[in-house]
All heavy atoms as atom14 arrays in JSON, in Angstrom:
{
  "sequence": "IGNLTSLTELDLSSNQLTALPPEIGNLTGLTELALESNQLTALP",
  "atom14_mask": [
    [1, 1, 1, 1, 1, 1, 1, 1, 0, 0, 0, 0, 0, 0],
    [1, 1, 1, 1, 0, 0, 0, 0, 0, 0, 0, 0, 0, 0],
    [1, 1, 1, 1, 1, 1, 1, 1, 0, 0, 0, 0, 0, 0],
    [1, 1, 1, 1, 1, 1, 1, 1, 0, 0, 0, 0, 0, 0],
    [1, 1, 1, 1, 1, 1, 1, 0, 0, 0, 0, 0, 0, 0],
    [1, 1, 1, 1, 1, 1, 0, 0, 0, 0, 0, 0, 0, 0],
    [1, 1, 1, 1, 1, 1, 1, 1, 0, 0, 0, 0, 0, 0],
    [1, 1, 1, 1, 1, 1, 1, 0, 0, 0, 0, 0, 0, 0],
    [1, 1, 1, 1, 1, 1, 1, 1, 1, 0, 0, 0, 0, 0],
    [1, 1, 1, 1, 1, 1, 1, 1, 0, 0, 0, 0, 0, 0],
    [1, 1, 1, 1, 1, 1, 1, 1, 0, 0, 0, 0, 0, 0],
    [1, 1, 1, 1, 1, 1, 1, 1, 0, 0, 0, 0, 0, 0],
    [1, 1, 1, 1, 1, 1, 0, 0, 0, 0, 0, 0, 0, 0],
    [1, 1, 1, 1, 1, 1, 0, 0, 0, 0, 0, 0, 0, 0],
    [1, 1, 1, 1, 1, 1, 1, 1, 0, 0, 0, 0, 0, 0],
    [1, 1, 1, 1, 1, 1, 1, 1, 1, 0, 0, 0, 0, 0],
    [1, 1, 1, 1, 1, 1, 1, 1, 0, 0, 0, 0, 0, 0],
    [1, 1, 1, 1, 1, 1, 1, 0, 0, 0, 0, 0, 0, 0],
    [1, 1, 1, 1, 1, 0, 0, 0, 0, 0, 0, 0, 0, 0],
    [1, 1, 1, 1, 1, 1, 1, 1, 0, 0, 0, 0, 0, 0],
    [1, 1, 1, 1, 1, 1, 1, 0, 0, 0, 0, 0, 0, 0],
    [1, 1, 1, 1, 1, 1, 1, 0, 0, 0, 0, 0, 0, 0],
    [1, 1, 1, 1, 1, 1, 1, 1, 1, 0, 0, 0, 0, 0],
    [1, 1, 1, 1, 1, 1, 1, 1, 0, 0, 0, 0, 0, 0],
    [1, 1, 1, 1, 0, 0, 0, 0, 0, 0, 0, 0, 0, 0],
    [1, 1, 1, 1, 1, 1, 1, 1, 0, 0, 0, 0, 0, 0],
    [1, 1, 1, 1, 1, 1, 1, 1, 0, 0, 0, 0, 0, 0],
    [1, 1, 1, 1, 1, 1, 1, 0, 0, 0, 0, 0, 0, 0],
    [1, 1, 1, 1, 0, 0, 0, 0, 0, 0, 0, 0, 0, 0],
    [1, 1, 1, 1, 1, 1, 1, 1, 0, 0, 0, 0, 0, 0],
    [1, 1, 1, 1, 1, 1, 1, 0, 0, 0, 0, 0, 0, 0],
    [1, 1, 1, 1, 1, 1, 1, 1, 1, 0, 0, 0, 0, 0],
    [1, 1, 1, 1, 1, 1, 1, 1, 0, 0, 0, 0, 0, 0],
    [1, 1, 1, 1, 1, 0, 0, 0, 0, 0, 0, 0, 0, 0],
    [1, 1, 1, 1, 1, 1, 1, 1, 0, 0, 0, 0, 0, 0],
    [1, 1, 1, 1, 1, 1, 1, 1, 1, 0, 0, 0, 0, 0],
    [1, 1, 1, 1, 1, 1, 0, 0, 0, 0, 0, 0, 0, 0],
    [1, 1, 1, 1, 1, 1, 1, 1, 0, 0, 0, 0, 0, 0],
    [1, 1, 1, 1, 1, 1, 1, 1, 1, 0, 0, 0, 0, 0],
    [1, 1, 1, 1, 1, 1, 1, 1, 0, 0, 0, 0, 0, 0],
    [1, 1, 1, 1, 1, 1, 1, 0, 0, 0, 0, 0, 0, 0],
    [1, 1, 1, 1, 1, 0, 0, 0, 0, 0, 0, 0, 0, 0],
    [1, 1, 1, 1, 1, 1, 1, 1, 0, 0, 0, 0, 0, 0],
    [1, 1, 1, 1, 1, 1, 1, 0, 0, 0, 0, 0, 0, 0]
  ],
  "atom14_positions": [
    [[9.36, -1.28, -1.68], [8.12, -0.9, -2.34], [7.93, 0.46, -2.74], [7.52, 0.86, -3.74], [6.87, -1.3, -1.51], [5.49, -1.13, -2.16], [6.76, -0.5, -0.22], [5.01, -2.18, -3.07], [0.0, 0.0, 0.0], [0.0, 0.0, 0.0], [0.0, 0.0, 0.0], [0.0, 0.0, 0.0], [0.0, 0.0, 0.0], [0.0, 0.0, 0.0]],
    [[8.72, 1.21, -1.93], [8.84, 2.66, -2.2], [9.54, 3.02, -3.44], [9.53, 4.21, -3.92], [0.0, 0.0, 0.0], [0.0, 0.0, 0.0], [0.0, 0.0, 0.0], [0.0, 0.0, 0.0], [0.0, 0.0, 0.0], [0.0, 0.0, 0.0], [0.0, 0.0, 0.0], [0.0, 0.0, 0.0], [0.0, 0.0, 0.0], [0.0, 0.0, 0.0]],
    [[10.32, 2.18, -4.06], [11.0, 2.39, -5.22], [10.06, 2.29, -6.54], [10.61, 2.62, -7.7], [12.2, 1.41, -5.39], [13.22, 1.49, -4.26], [13.31, 2.6, -3.69], [13.95, 0.5, -4.1], [0.0, 0.0, 0.0], [0.0, 0.0, 0.0], [0.0, 0.0, 0.0], [0.0, 0.0, 0.0], [0.0, 0.0, 0.0], [0.0, 0.0, 0.0]],
    [[8.82, 1.82, -6.34], [8.0, 1.58, -7.53], [7.16, 2.91, -7.79], [6.0, 2.8, -7.71], [7.12, 0.37, -7.28], [7.8, -0.95, -6.94], [6.77, -2.02, -6.69], [8.7, -1.38, -8.03], [0.0, 0.0, 0.0], [0.0, 0.0, 0.0], [0.0, 0.0, 0.0], [0.0, 0.0, 0.0], [0.0, 0.0, 0.0], [0.0, 0.0, 0.0]],
    [[7.97, 3.88, -8.11], [7.35, 5.29, -8.14], [6.47, 5.47, -9.37], [5.77, 6.48, -9.57], [8.4, 6.33, -8.07], [9.43, 6.12, -9.08], [9.03, 6.29, -6.73], [0.0, 0.0, 0.0], [0.0, 0.0, 0.0], [0.0, 0.0, 0.0], [0.0, 0.0, 0.0], [0.0, 0.0, 0.0], [0.0, 0.0, 0.0], [0.0, 0.0, 0.0]],
    [[6.57, 4.43, -10.34], [5.65, 4.68, -11.6], [4.32, 4.15, -11.27], [3.28, 4.4, -12.1], [6.24, 3.83, -12.69], [7.57, 4.33, -13.06], [0.0, 0.0, 0.0], [0.0, 0.0, 0.0], [0.0, 0.0, 0.0], [0.0, 0.0, 0.0], [0.0, 0.0, 0.0], [0.0, 0.0, 0.0], [0.0, 0.0, 0.0], [0.0, 0.0, 0.0]],
    [[4.07, 3.55, -10.17], [2.72, 2.95, -9.8], [1.68, 4.03, -9.63], [1.91, 5.02, -9.05], [2.68, 2.17, -8.53], [3.41, 0.81, -8.55], [3.27, 0.15, -7.16], [2.73, -0.1, -9.66], [0.0, 0.0, 0.0], [0.0, 0.0, 0.0], [0.0, 0.0, 0.0], [0.0, 0.0, 0.0], [0.0, 0.0, 0.0], [0.0, 0.0, 0.0]],
    [[0.47, 3.81, -10.44], [-0.54, 4.74, -10.04], [-1.79, 3.8, -9.47], [-2.7, 4.42, -8.79], [-1.25, 5.26, -11.47], [-1.46, 4.2, -12.33], [-0.13, 6.16, -12.08], [0.0, 0.0, 0.0], [0.0, 0.0, 0.0], [0.0, 0.0, 0.0], [0.0, 0.0, 0.0], [0.0, 0.0, 0.0], [0.0, 0.0, 0.0], [0.0, 0.0, 0.0]],
    [[-1.7, 2.5, -9.61], [-2.81, 1.64, -8.88], [-2.02, 0.47, -8.35], [-1.28, -0.13, -8.95], [-3.71, 1.17, -10.02], [-4.67, 2.19, -10.58], [-5.65, 1.62, -11.58], [-5.97, 0.56, -11.45], [-6.02, 2.37, -12.47], [0.0, 0.0, 0.0], [0.0, 0.0, 0.0], [0.0, 0.0, 0.0], [0.0, 0.0, 0.0], [0.0, 0.0, 0.0]],
    [[-2.36, 0.27, -7.1], [-1.75, -0.93, -6.3], [-2.89, -1.66, -5.54], [-3.5, -1.08, -4.74], [-0.67, -0.34, -5.31], [-0.05, -1.39, -4.54], [0.64, -2.52, -5.32], [0.97, -0.75, -3.58], [0.0, 0.0, 0.0], [0.0, 0.0, 0.0], [0.0, 0.0, 0.0], [0.0, 0.0, 0.0], [0.0, 0.0, 0.0], [0.0, 0.0, 0.0]],
    [[-3.0, -2.88, -5.91], [-4.01, -3.71, -5.25], [-3.41, -4.78, -4.39], [-2.88, -5.68, -4.84], [-5.12, -4.4, -6.19], [-6.29, -4.92, -5.65], [-6.35, -5.13, -4.5], [-7.25, -5.14, -6.37], [0.0, 0.0, 0.0], [0.0, 0.0, 0.0], [0.0, 0.0, 0.0], [0.0, 0.0, 0.0], [0.0, 0.0, 0.0], [0.0, 0.0, 0.0]],
    [[-3.51, -4.57, -3.13], [-3.1, -5.5, -2.09], [-4.27, -6.22, -1.28], [-3.87, -6.71, -0.17], [-2.02, -4.72, -1.1], [-0.84, -4.25, -1.79], [-0.11, -3.19, -0.94], [0.14, -5.29, -2.13], [0.0, 0.0, 0.0], [0.0, 0.0, 0.0], [0.0, 0.0, 0.0], [0.0, 0.0, 0.0], [0.0, 0.0, 0.0], [0.0, 0.0, 0.0]],
    [[-5.37, -6.06, -1.81], [-6.56, -6.63, -1.05], [-6.44, -8.19, -0.86], [-5.84, -8.84, -1.69], [-7.78, -6.24, -1.69], [-7.86, -6.61, -3.11], [0.0, 0.0, 0.0], [0.0, 0.0, 0.0], [0.0, 0.0, 0.0], [0.0, 0.0, 0.0], [0.0, 0.0, 0.0], [0.0, 0.0, 0.0], [0.0, 0.0, 0.0], [0.0, 0.0, 0.0]],
    [[-7.04, -8.7, 0.15], [-7.19, -10.08, 0.45], [-5.86, -10.82, 0.58], [-5.45, -11.79, -0.12], [-8.03, -10.78, -0.61], [-9.35, -10.29, -0.55], [0.0, 0.0, 0.0], [0.0, 0.0, 0.0], [0.0, 0.0, 0.0], [0.0, 0.0, 0.0], [0.0, 0.0, 0.0], [0.0, 0.0, 0.0], [0.0, 0.0, 0.0], [0.0, 0.0, 0.0]],
    [[-4.93, -10.08, 1.29], [-3.72, -10.72, 1.81], [-3.74, -10.95, 3.27], [-4.82, -10.8, 3.86], [-2.45, -9.88, 1.32], [-2.11, -10.16, -0.14], [-1.51, -11.13, -0.48], [-2.53, -9.24, -1.06], [0.0, 0.0, 0.0], [0.0, 0.0, 0.0], [0.0, 0.0, 0.0], [0.0, 0.0, 0.0], [0.0, 0.0, 0.0], [0.0, 0.0, 0.0]],
    [[-2.52, -10.93, 3.89], [-2.48, -11.04, 5.34], [-1.58, -10.04, 5.87], [-0.85, -10.24, 6.87], [-1.95, -12.44, 5.64], [-2.85, -13.6, 5.27], [-2.27, -14.93, 5.51], [-1.52, -15.18, 6.43], [-2.82, -15.93, 4.75], [0.0, 0.0, 0.0], [0.0, 0.0, 0.0], [0.0, 0.0, 0.0], [0.0, 0.0, 0.0], [0.0, 0.0, 0.0]],
    [[-1.49, -8.87, 5.28], [-0.69, -7.64, 5.8], [-1.23, -7.18, 7.11], [-2.39, -7.13, 7.36], [-0.89, -6.64, 4.73], [-0.27, -6.97, 3.29], [-0.53, -5.85, 2.38], [1.18, -7.26, 3.37], [0.0, 0.0, 0.0], [0.0, 0.0, 0.0], [0.0, 0.0, 0.0], [0.0, 0.0, 0.0], [0.0, 0.0, 0.0], [0.0, 0.0, 0.0]],
    [[-0.27, -6.92, 7.96], [-0.47, -6.42, 9.34], [0.06, -5.06, 9.4], [-0.44, -4.35, 10.3], [0.0, -7.36, 10.49], [1.5, -7.36, 10.18], [-0.45, -8.75, 10.49], [0.0, 0.0, 0.0], [0.0, 0.0, 0.0], [0.0, 0.0, 0.0], [0.0, 0.0, 0.0], [0.0, 0.0, 0.0], [0.0, 0.0, 0.0], [0.0, 0.0, 0.0]],
    [[0.84, -4.6, 8.62], [1.45, -3.17, 8.56], [1.92, -2.88, 7.13], [2.07, -3.82, 6.32], [2.64, -3.14, 9.48], [0.0, 0.0, 0.0], [0.0, 0.0, 0.0], [0.0, 0.0, 0.0], [0.0, 0.0, 0.0], [0.0, 0.0, 0.0], [0.0, 0.0, 0.0], [0.0, 0.0, 0.0], [0.0, 0.0, 0.0], [0.0, 0.0, 0.0]],
    [[2.05, -1.64, 7.02], [2.62, -1.14, 5.85], [4.04, -0.4, 6.08], [4.05, 0.35, 7.13], [1.7, -0.09, 4.95], [0.4, -0.67, 4.48], [-0.45, 0.52, 3.97], [0.59, -1.8, 3.53], [0.0, 0.0, 0.0], [0.0, 0.0, 0.0], [0.0, 0.0, 0.0], [0.0, 0.0, 0.0], [0.0, 0.0, 0.0], [0.0, 0.0, 0.0]],
    [[4.94, -0.56, 5.26], [6.26, 0.14, 5.56], [6.04, 1.67, 5.24], [5.35, 2.08, 4.42], [7.2, -0.38, 4.51], [6.38, -0.86, 3.37], [5.09, -1.37, 4.04], [0.0, 0.0, 0.0], [0.0, 0.0, 0.0], [0.0, 0.0, 0.0], [0.0, 0.0, 0.0], [0.0, 0.0, 0.0], [0.0, 0.0, 0.0], [0.0, 0.0, 0.0]],
    [[6.84, 2.55, 6.04], [6.67, 4.05, 5.77], [7.0, 4.37, 4.36], [6.47, 5.44, 3.88], [7.7, 4.6, 6.73], [8.01, 3.54, 7.75], [7.69, 2.26, 7.11], [0.0, 0.0, 0.0], [0.0, 0.0, 0.0], [0.0, 0.0, 0.0], [0.0, 0.0, 0.0], [0.0, 0.0, 0.0], [0.0, 0.0, 0.0], [0.0, 0.0, 0.0]],
    [[7.81, 3.63, 3.58], [8.13, 3.9, 2.22], [7.03, 3.9, 1.38], [7.13, 4.38, 0.19], [9.32, 2.87, 1.84], [10.63, 3.02, 2.46], [10.77, 2.39, 3.95], [9.66, 1.75, 4.34], [11.66, 2.51, 4.43], [0.0, 0.0, 0.0], [0.0, 0.0, 0.0], [0.0, 0.0, 0.0], [0.0, 0.0, 0.0], [0.0, 0.0, 0.0]],
    [[5.89, 3.33, 1.76], [4.59, 3.4, 0.94], [4.28, 4.83, 0.53], [3.85, 5.14, -0.47], [3.48, 2.73, 1.65], [2.47, 2.3, 0.51], [2.87, 3.54, 2.69], [2.46, 0.9, -0.04], [0.0, 0.0, 0.0], [0.0, 0.0, 0.0], [0.0, 0.0, 0.0], [0.0, 0.0, 0.0], [0.0, 0.0, 0.0], [0.0, 0.0, 0.0]],
    [[4.82, 5.76, 1.33], [4.58, 7.21, 1.11], [5.32, 7.77, 0.02], [4.97, 8.82, -0.5], [0.0, 0.0, 0.0], [0.0, 0.0, 0.0], [0.0, 0.0, 0.0], [0.0, 0.0, 0.0], [0.0, 0.0, 0.0], [0.0, 0.0, 0.0], [0.0, 0.0, 0.0], [0.0, 0.0, 0.0], [0.0, 0.0, 0.0], [0.0, 0.0, 0.0]],
    [[6.35, 6.84, -0.52], [7.04, 7.42, -1.72], [6.22, 7.29, -3.16], [6.6, 7.77, -4.05], [8.42, 6.63, -1.73], [9.34, 6.89, -0.68], [9.13, 7.77, 0.04], [10.33, 6.1, -0.54], [0.0, 0.0, 0.0], [0.0, 0.0, 0.0], [0.0, 0.0, 0.0], [0.0, 0.0, 0.0], [0.0, 0.0, 0.0], [0.0, 0.0, 0.0]],
    [[5.17, 6.5, -2.87], [4.34, 6.2, -4.11], [3.23, 7.45, -4.32], [2.12, 7.31, -4.19], [3.62, 4.93, -3.97], [4.43, 3.71, -3.61], [3.74, 2.54, -3.53], [5.57, 3.5, -4.68], [0.0, 0.0, 0.0], [0.0, 0.0, 0.0], [0.0, 0.0, 0.0], [0.0, 0.0, 0.0], [0.0, 0.0, 0.0], [0.0, 0.0, 0.0]],
    [[3.95, 8.45, -4.66], [3.1, 9.71, -4.67], [2.15, 9.84, -5.94], [1.27, 10.64, -6.03], [4.04, 11.0, -4.74], [4.91, 10.92, -5.8], [4.83, 11.19, -3.51], [0.0, 0.0, 0.0], [0.0, 0.0, 0.0], [0.0, 0.0, 0.0], [0.0, 0.0, 0.0], [0.0, 0.0, 0.0], [0.0, 0.0, 0.0], [0.0, 0.0, 0.0]],
    [[2.46, 8.88, -6.86], [1.58, 9.01, -8.09], [0.37, 8.0, -7.98], [-0.37, 8.0, -8.87], [0.0, 0.0, 0.0], [0.0, 0.0, 0.0], [0.0, 0.0, 0.0], [0.0, 0.0, 0.0], [0.0, 0.0, 0.0], [0.0, 0.0, 0.0], [0.0, 0.0, 0.0], [0.0, 0.0, 0.0], [0.0, 0.0, 0.0], [0.0, 0.0, 0.0]],
    [[0.25, 7.36, -6.8], [-0.88, 6.42, -6.68], [-2.23, 7.22, -6.69], [-2.39, 8.23, -5.95], [-0.85, 5.71, -5.2], [0.0, 4.52, -5.23], [-0.09, 3.96, -3.78], [-0.16, 3.43, -6.32], [0.0, 0.0, 0.0], [0.0, 0.0, 0.0], [0.0, 0.0, 0.0], [0.0, 0.0, 0.0], [0.0, 0.0, 0.0], [0.0, 0.0, 0.0]],
    [[-3.1, 6.63, -7.5], [-4.54, 7.28, -7.49], [-5.47, 6.28, -6.83], [-6.62, 6.64, -6.5], [-4.94, 7.63, -8.92], [-4.82, 6.48, -9.64], [-4.02, 8.76, -9.48], [0.0, 0.0, 0.0], [0.0, 0.0, 0.0], [0.0, 0.0, 0.0], [0.0, 0.0, 0.0], [0.0, 0.0, 0.0], [0.0, 0.0, 0.0], [0.0, 0.0, 0.0]],
    [[-4.97, 4.94, -6.87], [-5.84, 3.95, -6.22], [-4.92, 2.95, -5.42], [-3.93, 2.52, -5.93], [-6.65, 3.12, -7.24], [-7.5, 2.17, -6.68], [-8.35, 1.34, -7.86], [-8.58, 2.04, -8.8], [-8.6, 0.27, -7.75], [0.0, 0.0, 0.0], [0.0, 0.0, 0.0], [0.0, 0.0, 0.0], [0.0, 0.0, 0.0], [0.0, 0.0, 0.0]],
    [[-5.38, 2.77, -4.16], [-4.62, 1.84, -3.21], [-5.68, 0.83, -2.72], [-6.38, 1.5, -1.75], [-3.77, 2.49, -2.23], [-3.15, 1.7, -1.2], [-2.18, 0.63, -1.74], [-2.38, 2.64, -0.2], [0.0, 0.0, 0.0], [0.0, 0.0, 0.0], [0.0, 0.0, 0.0], [0.0, 0.0, 0.0], [0.0, 0.0, 0.0], [0.0, 0.0, 0.0]],
    [[-5.81, -0.32, -2.93], [-6.86, -1.22, -2.41], [-6.04, -2.08, -1.26], [-5.11, -2.8, -1.5], [-7.37, -2.11, -3.42], [0.0, 0.0, 0.0], [0.0, 0.0, 0.0], [0.0, 0.0, 0.0], [0.0, 0.0, 0.0], [0.0, 0.0, 0.0], [0.0, 0.0, 0.0], [0.0, 0.0, 0.0], [0.0, 0.0, 0.0], [0.0, 0.0, 0.0]],
    [[-6.74, -2.08, 0.03], [-6.09, -2.68, 1.09], [-7.11, -3.49, 1.88], [-6.84, -4.08, 2.94], [-5.45, -1.67, 2.12], [-4.25, -0.94, 1.56], [-3.99, 0.24, 2.54], [-3.18, -1.92, 1.46], [0.0, 0.0, 0.0], [0.0, 0.0, 0.0], [0.0, 0.0, 0.0], [0.0, 0.0, 0.0], [0.0, 0.0, 0.0], [0.0, 0.0, 0.0]],
    [[-8.39, -3.61, 1.35], [-9.36, -4.31, 2.16], [-9.17, -5.86, 2.3], [-8.25, -6.45, 1.58], [-10.75, -4.24, 1.39], [-10.83, -4.83, 0.07], [-10.6, -3.74, -0.99], [-10.14, -2.63, -0.69], [-10.61, -4.05, -2.24], [0.0, 0.0, 0.0], [0.0, 0.0, 0.0], [0.0, 0.0, 0.0], [0.0, 0.0, 0.0], [0.0, 0.0, 0.0]],
    [[-9.64, -6.41, 3.41], [-9.41, -7.87, 3.68], [-8.06, -8.22, 3.93], [-7.43, -9.12, 3.49], [-10.04, -8.74, 2.6], [-11.4, -8.61, 2.38], [0.0, 0.0, 0.0], [0.0, 0.0, 0.0], [0.0, 0.0, 0.0], [0.0, 0.0, 0.0], [0.0, 0.0, 0.0], [0.0, 0.0, 0.0], [0.0, 0.0, 0.0], [0.0, 0.0, 0.0]],
    [[-7.34, -7.36, 4.85], [-6.01, -7.52, 5.39], [-6.22, -7.45, 6.96], [-7.33, -7.35, 7.41], [-4.93, -6.56, 4.99], [-4.47, -6.97, 3.56], [-3.69, -7.88, 3.3], [-4.9, -6.22, 2.53], [0.0, 0.0, 0.0], [0.0, 0.0, 0.0], [0.0, 0.0, 0.0], [0.0, 0.0, 0.0], [0.0, 0.0, 0.0], [0.0, 0.0, 0.0]],
    [[-5.12, -7.62, 7.65], [-5.21, -7.47, 9.14], [-4.47, -6.31, 9.56], [-3.78, -6.29, 10.61], [-4.65, -8.74, 9.8], [-5.52, -10.01, 9.7], [-5.15, -10.94, 8.6], [-3.94, -11.23, 8.35], [-6.09, -11.48, 7.97], [0.0, 0.0, 0.0], [0.0, 0.0, 0.0], [0.0, 0.0, 0.0], [0.0, 0.0, 0.0], [0.0, 0.0, 0.0]],
    [[-4.64, -5.18, 8.82], [-3.95, -3.97, 9.16], [-4.43, -3.45, 10.4], [-5.67, -3.29, 10.68], [-4.12, -2.96, 8.04], [-3.4, -3.28, 6.74], [-3.81, -2.44, 5.74], [-1.93, -3.25, 6.93], [0.0, 0.0, 0.0], [0.0, 0.0, 0.0], [0.0, 0.0, 0.0], [0.0, 0.0, 0.0], [0.0, 0.0, 0.0], [0.0, 0.0, 0.0]],
    [[-3.62, -2.97, 11.38], [-4.05, -2.39, 12.58], [-3.78, -0.94, 12.69], [-4.35, -0.3, 13.55], [-3.32, -3.01, 13.81], [-1.96, -2.96, 13.7], [-3.84, -4.52, 13.87], [0.0, 0.0, 0.0], [0.0, 0.0, 0.0], [0.0, 0.0, 0.0], [0.0, 0.0, 0.0], [0.0, 0.0, 0.0], [0.0, 0.0, 0.0], [0.0, 0.0, 0.0]],
    [[-2.9, -0.45, 11.87], [-2.56, 1.06, 11.73], [-1.85, 1.29, 10.4], [-1.33, 0.3, 9.81], [-1.55, 1.3, 12.87], [0.0, 0.0, 0.0], [0.0, 0.0, 0.0], [0.0, 0.0, 0.0], [0.0, 0.0, 0.0], [0.0, 0.0, 0.0], [0.0, 0.0, 0.0], [0.0, 0.0, 0.0], [0.0, 0.0, 0.0], [0.0, 0.0, 0.0]],
    [[-1.97, 2.51, 10.13], [-1.34, 2.98, 8.71], [-0.17, 3.9, 9.11], [-0.32, 4.65, 10.08], [-2.25, 3.67, 7.83], [-3.52, 2.64, 7.38], [-4.48, 3.57, 6.53], [-2.94, 1.66, 6.49], [0.0, 0.0, 0.0], [0.0, 0.0, 0.0], [0.0, 0.0, 0.0], [0.0, 0.0, 0.0], [0.0, 0.0, 0.0], [0.0, 0.0, 0.0]],
    [[0.93, 3.86, 8.36], [1.98, 4.83, 8.64], [1.47, 6.25, 8.31], [0.7, 6.45, 7.4], [3.04, 4.38, 7.68], [2.43, 3.58, 6.75], [1.24, 3.06, 7.16], [0.0, 0.0, 0.0], [0.0, 0.0, 0.0], [0.0, 0.0, 0.0], [0.0, 0.0, 0.0], [0.0, 0.0, 0.0], [0.0, 0.0, 0.0], [0.0, 0.0, 0.0]]
  ]
}
């Protein structure tokens, strides 16, 4: 996921995610990240 460096918006809401990989930090161009309605217990 960290290779998608062109992303400015990423909507992952309403999935069953429990964690995010540290590589999510490579998405430095993101202006919007939607994560609601998942089972995340912590963020990297």
